[in-house]
PDB file of N, CA and C in Angstrom:
ATOM      1  N   MET A   1       0.760   2.345 -33.492  1.00  0.00           N
ATOM      2  CA  MET A   1      -0.456   1.723 -33.033  1.00  0.00           C
ATOM      3  C   MET A   1      -1.436   1.645 -34.184  1.00  0.00           C
ATOM      4  N   ARG A   2      -2.112   0.540 -34.268  1.00  0.00           N
ATOM      5  CA  ARG A   2      -3.072   0.332 -35.341  1.00  0.00           C
ATOM      6  C   ARG A   2      -4.496   0.464 -34.811  1.00  0.00           C
ATOM      7  N   ILE A   3      -5.356   1.013 -35.602  1.00  0.00           N
ATOM      8  CA  ILE A   3      -6.763   1.164 -35.235  1.00  0.00           C
ATOM      9  C   ILE A   3      -7.467  -0.177 -35.447  1.00  0.00           C
ATOM     10  N   GLY A   4      -8.369  -0.535 -34.543  1.00  0.00           N
ATOM     11  CA  GLY A   4      -9.130  -1.771 -34.676  1.00  0.00           C
ATOM     12  C   GLY A   4      -8.442  -2.983 -34.075  1.00  0.00           C
ATOM     13  N   VAL A   5      -7.359  -2.783 -33.336  1.00  0.00           N
ATOM     14  CA  VAL A   5      -6.631  -3.880 -32.706  1.00  0.00           C
ATOM     15  C   VAL A   5      -6.959  -3.860 -31.215  1.00  0.00           C
ATOM     16  N   SER A   6      -7.140  -5.046 -30.617  1.00  0.00           N
ATOM     17  CA  SER A   6      -7.540  -5.102 -29.207  1.00  0.00           C
ATOM     18  C   SER A   6      -6.397  -4.759 -28.247  1.00  0.00           C
ATOM     19  N   ALA A   7      -5.157  -4.927 -28.678  1.00  0.00           N
ATOM     20  CA  ALA A   7      -4.008  -4.604 -27.828  1.00  0.00           C
ATOM     21  C   ALA A   7      -2.806  -4.307 -28.716  1.00  0.00           C
ATOM     22  N   GLY A   8      -1.911  -3.483 -28.199  1.00  0.00           N
ATOM     23  CA  GLY A   8      -0.713  -3.180 -28.959  1.00  0.00           C
ATOM     24  C   GLY A   8       0.245  -2.323 -28.166  1.00  0.00           C
ATOM     25  N   LYS A   9       1.460  -2.223 -28.671  1.00  0.00           N
ATOM     26  CA  LYS A   9       2.474  -1.394 -28.022  1.00  0.00           C
ATOM     27  C   LYS A   9       2.309   0.046 -28.477  1.00  0.00           C
ATOM     28  N   PHE A  10       2.427   0.951 -27.501  1.00  0.00           N
ATOM     29  CA  PHE A  10       2.374   2.370 -27.807  1.00  0.00           C
ATOM     30  C   PHE A  10       3.286   3.082 -26.828  1.00  0.00           C
ATOM     31  N   LEU A  11       4.314   3.756 -27.337  1.00  0.00           N
ATOM     32  CA  LEU A  11       5.293   4.476 -26.522  1.00  0.00           C
ATOM     33  C   LEU A  11       5.918   3.593 -25.452  1.00  0.00           C
ATOM     34  N   GLY A  12       6.157   2.335 -25.783  1.00  0.00           N
ATOM     35  CA  GLY A  12       6.821   1.420 -24.855  1.00  0.00           C
ATOM     36  C   GLY A  12       5.895   0.748 -23.859  1.00  0.00           C
ATOM     37  N   PHE A  13       4.599   1.012 -23.938  1.00  0.00           N
ATOM     38  CA  PHE A  13       3.636   0.403 -23.030  1.00  0.00           C
ATOM     39  C   PHE A  13       2.676  -0.471 -23.816  1.00  0.00           C
ATOM     40  N   MET A  14       2.072  -1.434 -23.131  1.00  0.00           N
ATOM     41  CA  MET A  14       1.050  -2.271 -23.741  1.00  0.00           C
ATOM     42  C   MET A  14      -0.305  -1.631 -23.454  1.00  0.00           C
ATOM     43  N   VAL A  15      -1.015  -1.254 -24.498  1.00  0.00           N
ATOM     44  CA  VAL A  15      -2.330  -0.642 -24.352  1.00  0.00           C
ATOM     45  C   VAL A  15      -3.362  -1.679 -24.766  1.00  0.00           C
ATOM     46  N   THR A  16      -4.273  -1.982 -23.833  1.00  0.00           N
ATOM     47  CA  THR A  16      -5.341  -2.946 -24.091  1.00  0.00           C
ATOM     48  C   THR A  16      -6.678  -2.280 -23.815  1.00  0.00           C
ATOM     49  N   GLN A  17      -7.749  -3.027 -24.025  1.00  0.00           N
ATOM     50  CA  GLN A  17      -9.079  -2.509 -23.718  1.00  0.00           C
ATOM     51  C   GLN A  17      -9.244  -2.296 -22.219  1.00  0.00           C
ATOM     52  N   LYS A  18      -8.509  -3.039 -21.411  1.00  0.00           N
ATOM     53  CA  LYS A  18      -8.612  -2.934 -19.957  1.00  0.00           C
ATOM     54  C   LYS A  18      -7.786  -1.783 -19.395  1.00  0.00           C
ATOM     55  N   GLY A  19      -6.830  -1.290 -20.136  1.00  0.00           N
ATOM     56  CA  GLY A  19      -5.995  -0.195 -19.656  1.00  0.00           C
ATOM     57  C   GLY A  19      -4.576  -0.289 -20.181  1.00  0.00           C
ATOM     58  N   THR A  20      -3.666   0.364 -19.473  1.00  0.00           N
ATOM     59  CA  THR A  20      -2.264   0.417 -19.863  1.00  0.00           C
ATOM     60  C   THR A  20      -1.444  -0.471 -18.948  1.00  0.00           C
ATOM     61  N   LYS A  21      -0.580  -1.282 -19.540  1.00  0.00           N
ATOM     62  CA  LYS A  21       0.299  -2.162 -18.769  1.00  0.00           C
ATOM     63  C   LYS A  21       1.742  -1.898 -19.170  1.00  0.00           C
ATOM     64  N   VAL A  22       2.632  -2.338 -18.320  1.00  0.00           N
ATOM     65  CA  VAL A  22       4.056  -2.248 -18.617  1.00  0.00           C
ATOM     66  C   VAL A  22       4.382  -3.280 -19.691  1.00  0.00           C
ATOM     67  N   SER A  23       5.252  -2.921 -20.602  1.00  0.00           N
ATOM     68  CA  SER A  23       5.711  -3.870 -21.606  1.00  0.00           C
ATOM     69  C   SER A  23       6.516  -4.972 -20.916  1.00  0.00           C
ATOM     70  N   PRO A  24       6.255  -6.229 -21.247  1.00  0.00           N
ATOM     71  CA  PRO A  24       7.015  -7.326 -20.636  1.00  0.00           C
ATOM     72  C   PRO A  24       8.526  -7.189 -20.821  1.00  0.00           C
ATOM     73  N   ASN A  25       8.950  -6.573 -21.911  1.00  0.00           N
ATOM     74  CA  ASN A  25      10.389  -6.381 -22.142  1.00  0.00           C
ATOM     75  C   ASN A  25      11.003  -5.453 -21.100  1.00  0.00           C
ATOM     76  N   GLN A  26      10.276  -4.402 -20.717  1.00  0.00           N
ATOM     77  CA  GLN A  26      10.786  -3.472 -19.706  1.00  0.00           C
ATOM     78  C   GLN A  26      10.916  -4.166 -18.353  1.00  0.00           C
ATOM     79  N   ILE A  27       9.942  -4.994 -18.025  1.00  0.00           N
ATOM     80  CA  ILE A  27       9.986  -5.726 -16.758  1.00  0.00           C
ATOM     81  C   ILE A  27      11.138  -6.717 -16.766  1.00  0.00           C
ATOM     82  N   LYS A  28      11.306  -7.415 -17.878  1.00  0.00           N
ATOM     83  CA  LYS A  28      12.357  -8.429 -17.990  1.00  0.00           C
ATOM     84  C   LYS A  28      13.742  -7.815 -17.781  1.00  0.00           C
ATOM     85  N   VAL A  29      13.965  -6.638 -18.337  1.00  0.00           N
ATOM     86  CA  VAL A  29      15.265  -5.970 -18.203  1.00  0.00           C
ATOM     87  C   VAL A  29      15.580  -5.695 -16.736  1.00  0.00           C
ATOM     88  N   VAL A  30      14.597  -5.227 -15.977  1.00  0.00           N
ATOM     89  CA  VAL A  30      14.821  -4.908 -14.564  1.00  0.00           C
ATOM     90  C   VAL A  30      14.970  -6.179 -13.739  1.00  0.00           C
ATOM     91  N   ILE A  31      14.116  -7.157 -13.975  1.00  0.00           N
ATOM     92  CA  ILE A  31      14.144  -8.388 -13.177  1.00  0.00           C
ATOM     93  C   ILE A  31      15.442  -9.160 -13.384  1.00  0.00           C
ATOM     94  N   GLU A  32      15.954  -9.170 -14.591  1.00  0.00           N
ATOM     95  CA  GLU A  32      17.184  -9.911 -14.880  1.00  0.00           C
ATOM     96  C   GLU A  32      18.449  -9.118 -14.548  1.00  0.00           C
ATOM     97  N   ALA A  33      18.291  -7.870 -14.174  1.00  0.00           N
ATOM     98  CA  ALA A  33      19.459  -7.029 -13.878  1.00  0.00           C
ATOM     99  C   ALA A  33      20.125  -7.474 -12.580  1.00  0.00           C
ATOM    100  N   PRO A  34      21.449  -7.574 -12.592  1.00  0.00           N
ATOM    101  CA  PRO A  34      22.156  -7.860 -11.333  1.00  0.00           C
ATOM    102  C   PRO A  34      22.197  -6.597 -10.476  1.00  0.00           C
ATOM    103  N   ALA A  35      22.550  -6.763  -9.230  1.00  0.00           N
ATOM    104  CA  ALA A  35      22.695  -5.602  -8.348  1.00  0.00           C
ATOM    105  C   ALA A  35      23.791  -4.693  -8.905  1.00  0.00           C
ATOM    106  N   PRO A  36      23.576  -3.389  -8.907  1.00  0.00           N
ATOM    107  CA  PRO A  36      24.588  -2.462  -9.426  1.00  0.00           C
ATOM    108  C   PRO A  36      25.900  -2.574  -8.655  1.00  0.00           C
ATOM    109  N   LYS A  37      27.005  -2.425  -9.382  1.00  0.00           N
ATOM    110  CA  LYS A  37      28.333  -2.529  -8.765  1.00  0.00           C
ATOM    111  C   LYS A  37      28.944  -1.168  -8.466  1.00  0.00           C
ATOM    112  N   ASN A  38      28.379  -0.122  -9.070  1.00  0.00           N
ATOM    113  CA  ASN A  38      28.885   1.227  -8.819  1.00  0.00           C
ATOM    114  C   ASN A  38      27.753   2.234  -9.025  1.00  0.00           C
ATOM    115  N   LYS A  39      28.044   3.484  -8.761  1.00  0.00           N
ATOM    116  CA  LYS A  39      26.994   4.505  -8.842  1.00  0.00           C
ATOM    117  C   LYS A  39      26.486   4.713 -10.263  1.00  0.00           C
ATOM    118  N   LYS A  40      27.341   4.542 -11.246  1.00  0.00           N
ATOM    119  CA  LYS A  40      26.925   4.704 -12.641  1.00  0.00           C
ATOM    120  C   LYS A  40      25.879   3.647 -13.009  1.00  0.00           C
ATOM    121  N   GLU A  41      26.113   2.405 -12.594  1.00  0.00           N
ATOM    122  CA  GLU A  41      25.138   1.342 -12.857  1.00  0.00           C
ATOM    123  C   GLU A  41      23.839   1.599 -12.097  1.00  0.00           C
ATOM    124  N   LEU A  42      23.949   2.160 -10.899  1.00  0.00           N
ATOM    125  CA  LEU A  42      22.753   2.496 -10.124  1.00  0.00           C
ATOM    126  C   LEU A  42      21.956   3.599 -10.825  1.00  0.00           C
ATOM    127  N   GLN A  43      22.649   4.550 -11.425  1.00  0.00           N
ATOM    128  CA  GLN A  43      21.964   5.605 -12.179  1.00  0.00           C
ATOM    129  C   GLN A  43      21.219   5.013 -13.373  1.00  0.00           C
ATOM    130  N   ARG A  44      21.837   4.057 -14.057  1.00  0.00           N
ATOM    131  CA  ARG A  44      21.172   3.404 -15.192  1.00  0.00           C
ATOM    132  C   ARG A  44      19.922   2.659 -14.737  1.00  0.00           C
ATOM    133  N   LEU A  45      20.065   1.912 -13.641  1.00  0.00           N
ATOM    134  CA  LEU A  45      18.925   1.166 -13.106  1.00  0.00           C
ATOM    135  C   LEU A  45      17.804   2.119 -12.696  1.00  0.00           C
ATOM    136  N   THR A  46      18.157   3.185 -12.017  1.00  0.00           N
ATOM    137  CA  THR A  46      17.157   4.160 -11.581  1.00  0.00           C
ATOM    138  C   THR A  46      16.455   4.782 -12.787  1.00  0.00           C
ATOM    139  N   GLY A  47      17.195   5.039 -13.846  1.00  0.00           N
ATOM    140  CA  GLY A  47      16.598   5.568 -15.073  1.00  0.00           C
ATOM    141  C   GLY A  47      15.589   4.613 -15.676  1.00  0.00           C
ATOM    142  N   LYS A  48      15.900   3.326 -15.667  1.00  0.00           N
ATOM    143  CA  LYS A  48      14.954   2.328 -16.175  1.00  0.00           C
ATOM    144  C   LYS A  48      13.705   2.277 -15.308  1.00  0.00           C
ATOM    145  N   LEU A  49      13.899   2.413 -14.002  1.00  0.00           N
ATOM    146  CA  LEU A  49      12.760   2.370 -13.085  1.00  0.00           C
ATOM    147  C   LEU A  49      11.900   3.630 -13.185  1.00  0.00           C
ATOM    148  N   VAL A  50      12.520   4.771 -13.459  1.00  0.00           N
ATOM    149  CA  VAL A  50      11.755   6.009 -13.612  1.00  0.00           C
ATOM    150  C   VAL A  50      10.774   5.881 -14.780  1.00  0.00           C
ATOM    151  N   ALA A  51      11.167   5.164 -15.821  1.00  0.00           N
ATOM    152  CA  ALA A  51      10.266   4.947 -16.951  1.00  0.00           C
ATOM    153  C   ALA A  51       9.033   4.147 -16.536  1.00  0.00           C
ATOM    154  N   LEU A  52       9.149   3.388 -15.451  1.00  0.00           N
ATOM    155  CA  LEU A  52       8.038   2.565 -14.962  1.00  0.00           C
ATOM    156  C   LEU A  52       7.344   3.190 -13.757  1.00  0.00           C
ATOM    157  N   GLU A  53       7.705   4.414 -13.431  1.00  0.00           N
ATOM    158  CA  GLU A  53       7.238   5.067 -12.204  1.00  0.00           C
ATOM    159  C   GLU A  53       5.718   5.042 -12.053  1.00  0.00           C
ATOM    160  N   ARG A  54       5.000   5.272 -13.115  1.00  0.00           N
ATOM    161  CA  ARG A  54       3.539   5.338 -13.008  1.00  0.00           C
ATOM    162  C   ARG A  54       2.907   4.008 -12.646  1.00  0.00           C
ATOM    163  N   PHE A  55       3.662   2.928 -12.752  1.00  0.00           N
ATOM    164  CA  PHE A  55       3.145   1.607 -12.406  1.00  0.00           C
ATOM    165  C   PHE A  55       3.598   1.137 -11.028  1.00  0.00           C
ATOM    166  N   ILE A  56       4.424   1.932 -10.355  1.00  0.00           N
ATOM    167  CA  ILE A  56       4.967   1.550  -9.049  1.00  0.00           C
ATOM    168  C   ILE A  56       4.406   2.499  -7.991  1.00  0.00           C
ATOM    169  N   ALA A  57       3.516   1.976  -7.151  1.00  0.00           N
ATOM    170  CA  ALA A  57       2.921   2.788  -6.093  1.00  0.00           C
ATOM    171  C   ALA A  57       3.998   3.216  -5.098  1.00  0.00           C
ATOM    172  N   ARG A  58       3.929   4.472  -4.670  1.00  0.00           N
ATOM    173  CA  ARG A  58       4.889   5.040  -3.711  1.00  0.00           C
ATOM    174  C   ARG A  58       6.327   4.858  -4.204  1.00  0.00           C
ATOM    175  N   PHE A  59       6.522   5.199  -5.448  1.00  0.00           N
ATOM    176  CA  PHE A  59       7.798   5.010  -6.137  1.00  0.00           C
ATOM    177  C   PHE A  59       8.978   5.595  -5.366  1.00  0.00           C
ATOM    178  N   THR A  60       8.875   6.854  -4.963  1.00  0.00           N
ATOM    179  CA  THR A  60      10.016   7.493  -4.298  1.00  0.00           C
ATOM    180  C   THR A  60      10.306   6.867  -2.943  1.00  0.00           C
ATOM    181  N   ASP A  61       9.272   6.408  -2.254  1.00  0.00           N
ATOM    182  CA  ASP A  61       9.496   5.731  -0.971  1.00  0.00           C
ATOM    183  C   ASP A  61      10.245   4.417  -1.175  1.00  0.00           C
ATOM    184  N   LYS A  62       9.857   3.675  -2.207  1.00  0.00           N
ATOM    185  CA  LYS A  62      10.486   2.381  -2.466  1.00  0.00           C
ATOM    186  C   LYS A  62      11.945   2.526  -2.901  1.00  0.00           C
ATOM    187  N   LEU A  63      12.251   3.630  -3.578  1.00  0.00           N
ATOM    188  CA  LEU A  63      13.609   3.822  -4.090  1.00  0.00           C
ATOM    189  C   LEU A  63      14.446   4.785  -3.251  1.00  0.00           C
ATOM    190  N   GLN A  64      13.977   5.155  -2.096  1.00  0.00           N
ATOM    191  CA  GLN A  64      14.707   6.102  -1.258  1.00  0.00           C
ATOM    192  C   GLN A  64      16.141   5.659  -0.957  1.00  0.00           C
ATOM    193  N   PRO A  65      16.398   4.370  -0.651  1.00  0.00           N
ATOM    194  CA  PRO A  65      17.796   3.970  -0.419  1.00  0.00           C
ATOM    195  C   PRO A  65      18.698   4.251  -1.627  1.00  0.00           C
ATOM    196  N   PHE A  66      18.169   4.088  -2.838  1.00  0.00           N
ATOM    197  CA  PHE A  66      18.950   4.379  -4.044  1.00  0.00           C
ATOM    198  C   PHE A  66      19.274   5.866  -4.112  1.00  0.00           C
ATOM    199  N   PHE A  67      18.252   6.688  -3.862  1.00  0.00           N
ATOM    200  CA  PHE A  67      18.436   8.128  -3.959  1.00  0.00           C
ATOM    201  C   PHE A  67      19.422   8.640  -2.911  1.00  0.00           C
ATOM    202  N   LEU A  68      19.409   8.046  -1.717  1.00  0.00           N
ATOM    203  CA  LEU A  68      20.359   8.449  -0.678  1.00  0.00           C
ATOM    204  C   LEU A  68      21.796   8.155  -1.103  1.00  0.00           C
ATOM    205  N   VAL A  69      21.996   7.006  -1.720  1.00  0.00           N
ATOM    206  CA  VAL A  69      23.337   6.649  -2.205  1.00  0.00           C
ATOM    207  C   VAL A  69      23.760   7.601  -3.324  1.00  0.00           C
ATOM    208  N   LEU A  70      22.853   7.898  -4.237  1.00  0.00           N
ATOM    209  CA  LEU A  70      23.188   8.778  -5.358  1.00  0.00           C
ATOM    210  C   LEU A  70      23.462  10.212  -4.909  1.00  0.00           C
ATOM    211  N   ARG A  71      22.797  10.646  -3.859  1.00  0.00           N
ATOM    212  CA  ARG A  71      23.018  12.002  -3.353  1.00  0.00           C
ATOM    213  C   ARG A  71      24.217  12.083  -2.419  1.00  0.00           C
ATOM    214  N   LYS A  72      24.801  10.948  -2.118  1.00  0.00           N
ATOM    215  CA  LYS A  72      25.945  10.845  -1.215  1.00  0.00           C
ATOM    216  C   LYS A  72      25.588  11.198   0.225  1.00  0.00           C
ATOM    217  N   ALA A  73      24.305  11.176   0.558  1.00  0.00           N
ATOM    218  CA  ALA A  73      23.900  11.402   1.944  1.00  0.00           C
ATOM    219  C   ALA A  73      24.269  10.171   2.767  1.00  0.00           C
ATOM    220  N   ASP A  74      24.315   9.035   2.087  1.00  0.00           N
ATOM    221  CA  ASP A  74      24.712   7.790   2.736  1.00  0.00           C
ATOM    222  C   ASP A  74      26.114   7.472   2.226  1.00  0.00           C
ATOM    223  N   THR A  75      27.087   7.419   3.114  1.00  0.00           N
ATOM    224  CA  THR A  75      28.483   7.284   2.692  1.00  0.00           C
ATOM    225  C   THR A  75      28.859   5.874   2.263  1.00  0.00           C
ATOM    226  N   THR A  76      28.102   4.881   2.666  1.00  0.00           N
ATOM    227  CA  THR A  76      28.417   3.519   2.240  1.00  0.00           C
ATOM    228  C   THR A  76      27.853   3.286   0.853  1.00  0.00           C
ATOM    229  N   TRP A  77      28.402   2.322   0.160  1.00  0.00           N
ATOM    230  CA  TRP A  77      27.977   2.116  -1.220  1.00  0.00           C
ATOM    231  C   TRP A  77      26.655   1.366  -1.290  1.00  0.00           C
ATOM    232  N   TRP A  78      26.637   0.089  -1.337  1.00  0.00           N
ATOM    233  CA  TRP A  78      25.407  -0.693  -1.536  1.00  0.00           C
ATOM    234  C   TRP A  78      25.041  -1.326  -0.200  1.00  0.00           C
ATOM    235  N   THR A  79      24.068  -0.765   0.468  1.00  0.00           N
ATOM    236  CA  THR A  79      23.686  -1.204   1.806  1.00  0.00           C
ATOM    237  C   THR A  79      22.658  -2.326   1.748  1.00  0.00           C
ATOM    238  N   ASP A  80      22.373  -2.900   2.908  1.00  0.00           N
ATOM    239  CA  ASP A  80      21.313  -3.905   2.996  1.00  0.00           C
ATOM    240  C   ASP A  80      19.965  -3.296   2.621  1.00  0.00           C
ATOM    241  N   ASN A  81      19.767  -2.027   2.958  1.00  0.00           N
ATOM    242  CA  ASN A  81      18.525  -1.344   2.576  1.00  0.00           C
ATOM    243  C   ASN A  81      18.394  -1.241   1.057  1.00  0.00           C
ATOM    244  N   CYS A  82      19.512  -0.983   0.382  1.00  0.00           N
ATOM    245  CA  CYS A  82      19.501  -0.918  -1.084  1.00  0.00           C
ATOM    246  C   CYS A  82      19.149  -2.278  -1.678  1.00  0.00           C
ATOM    247  N   GLN A  83      19.775  -3.329  -1.154  1.00  0.00           N
ATOM    248  CA  GLN A  83      19.509  -4.671  -1.661  1.00  0.00           C
ATOM    249  C   GLN A  83      18.056  -5.060  -1.416  1.00  0.00           C
ATOM    250  N   SER A  84      17.545  -4.733  -0.241  1.00  0.00           N
ATOM    251  CA  SER A  84      16.155  -5.032   0.088  1.00  0.00           C
ATOM    252  C   SER A  84      15.202  -4.282  -0.846  1.00  0.00           C
ATOM    253  N   ALA A  85      15.476  -3.005  -1.090  1.00  0.00           N
ATOM    254  CA  ALA A  85      14.643  -2.210  -2.001  1.00  0.00           C
ATOM    255  C   ALA A  85      14.695  -2.782  -3.412  1.00  0.00           C
ATOM    256  N   PHE A  86      15.876  -3.209  -3.845  1.00  0.00           N
ATOM    257  CA  PHE A  86      16.054  -3.794  -5.175  1.00  0.00           C
ATOM    258  C   PHE A  86      15.218  -5.066  -5.320  1.00  0.00           C
ATOM    259  N   GLU A  87      15.258  -5.928  -4.318  1.00  0.00           N
ATOM    260  CA  GLU A  87      14.483  -7.172  -4.355  1.00  0.00           C
ATOM    261  C   GLU A  87      12.980  -6.887  -4.310  1.00  0.00           C
ATOM    262  N   LYS A  88      12.566  -5.902  -3.521  1.00  0.00           N
ATOM    263  CA  LYS A  88      11.139  -5.562  -3.433  1.00  0.00           C
ATOM    264  C   LYS A  88      10.620  -5.025  -4.760  1.00  0.00           C
ATOM    265  N   ILE A  89      11.422  -4.193  -5.416  1.00  0.00           N
ATOM    266  CA  ILE A  89      11.017  -3.658  -6.719  1.00  0.00           C
ATOM    267  C   ILE A  89      10.885  -4.786  -7.734  1.00  0.00           C
ATOM    268  N   LYS A  90      11.840  -5.697  -7.749  1.00  0.00           N
ATOM    269  CA  LYS A  90      11.766  -6.834  -8.672  1.00  0.00           C
ATOM    270  C   LYS A  90      10.501  -7.643  -8.413  1.00  0.00           C
ATOM    271  N   HIS A  91      10.214  -7.908  -7.140  1.00  0.00           N
ATOM    272  CA  HIS A  91       9.013  -8.676  -6.797  1.00  0.00           C
ATOM    273  C   HIS A  91       7.752  -7.913  -7.199  1.00  0.00           C
ATOM    274  N   TYR A  92       7.738  -6.618  -6.930  1.00  0.00           N
ATOM    275  CA  TYR A  92       6.581  -5.789  -7.258  1.00  0.00           C
ATOM    276  C   TYR A  92       6.310  -5.801  -8.762  1.00  0.00           C
ATOM    277  N   LEU A  93       7.358  -5.769  -9.556  1.00  0.00           N
ATOM    278  CA  LEU A  93       7.188  -5.738 -11.010  1.00  0.00           C
ATOM    279  C   LEU A  93       6.696  -7.064 -11.583  1.00  0.00           C
ATOM    280  N   THR A  94       6.839  -8.148 -10.830  1.00  0.00           N
ATOM    281  CA  THR A  94       6.308  -9.422 -11.325  1.00  0.00           C
ATOM    282  C   THR A  94       4.790  -9.468 -11.210  1.00  0.00           C
ATOM    283  N   GLN A  95       4.211  -8.549 -10.425  1.00  0.00           N
ATOM    284  CA  GLN A  95       2.758  -8.471 -10.270  1.00  0.00           C
ATOM    285  C   GLN A  95       2.304  -7.026 -10.450  1.00  0.00           C
ATOM    286  N   PRO A  96       2.538  -6.442 -11.637  1.00  0.00           N
ATOM    287  CA  PRO A  96       2.231  -5.022 -11.815  1.00  0.00           C
ATOM    288  C   PRO A  96       0.730  -4.759 -11.869  1.00  0.00           C
ATOM    289  N   PRO A  97       0.304  -3.604 -11.359  1.00  0.00           N
ATOM    290  CA  PRO A  97      -1.099  -3.233 -11.489  1.00  0.00           C
ATOM    291  C   PRO A  97      -1.383  -2.763 -12.911  1.00  0.00           C
ATOM    292  N   ILE A  98      -2.635  -2.760 -13.273  1.00  0.00           N
ATOM    293  CA  ILE A  98      -3.050  -2.254 -14.578  1.00  0.00           C
ATOM    294  C   ILE A  98      -3.718  -0.909 -14.350  1.00  0.00           C
ATOM    295  N   LEU A  99      -3.306   0.091 -15.097  1.00  0.00           N
ATOM    296  CA  LEU A  99      -3.961   1.390 -15.015  1.00  0.00           C
ATOM    297  C   LEU A  99      -5.140   1.384 -15.970  1.00  0.00           C
ATOM    298  N   SER A 100      -6.312   1.636 -15.443  1.00  0.00           N
ATOM    299  CA  SER A 100      -7.488   1.656 -16.307  1.00  0.00           C
ATOM    300  C   SER A 100      -7.888   3.093 -16.598  1.00  0.00           C
ATOM    301  N   SER A 101      -8.582   3.274 -17.688  1.00  0.00           N
ATOM    302  CA  SER A 101      -9.015   4.617 -18.036  1.00  0.00           C
ATOM    303  C   SER A 101     -10.164   5.033 -17.120  1.00  0.00           C
ATOM    304  N   PRO A 102     -10.242   6.326 -16.796  1.00  0.00           N
ATOM    305  CA  PRO A 102     -11.273   6.799 -15.855  1.00  0.00           C
ATOM    306  C   PRO A 102     -12.670   6.709 -16.417  1.00  0.00           C
TER     307      PRO A 102
END
């Protein structure tokens, strides 16, 4: 990060005078991702989303179907609930909130 610049990348986030935003590259990776085909791909996707957790309100609630599949509490693989959660997260990331400094 450079001093005297109005905006810049810092630790993978865009820092501006208005606050901290998600880097467009991080959003693009999630939005362009296809639905996971197995649990390993779901773990990778969940890892990418965890990096964006602070920008996703009620993160654990939104990703609960993923966590149920990963914990094997849900015996089916990719359910309609998982697909719905995946689409909602993608939509949510297209309109991310900005975190402002207190």
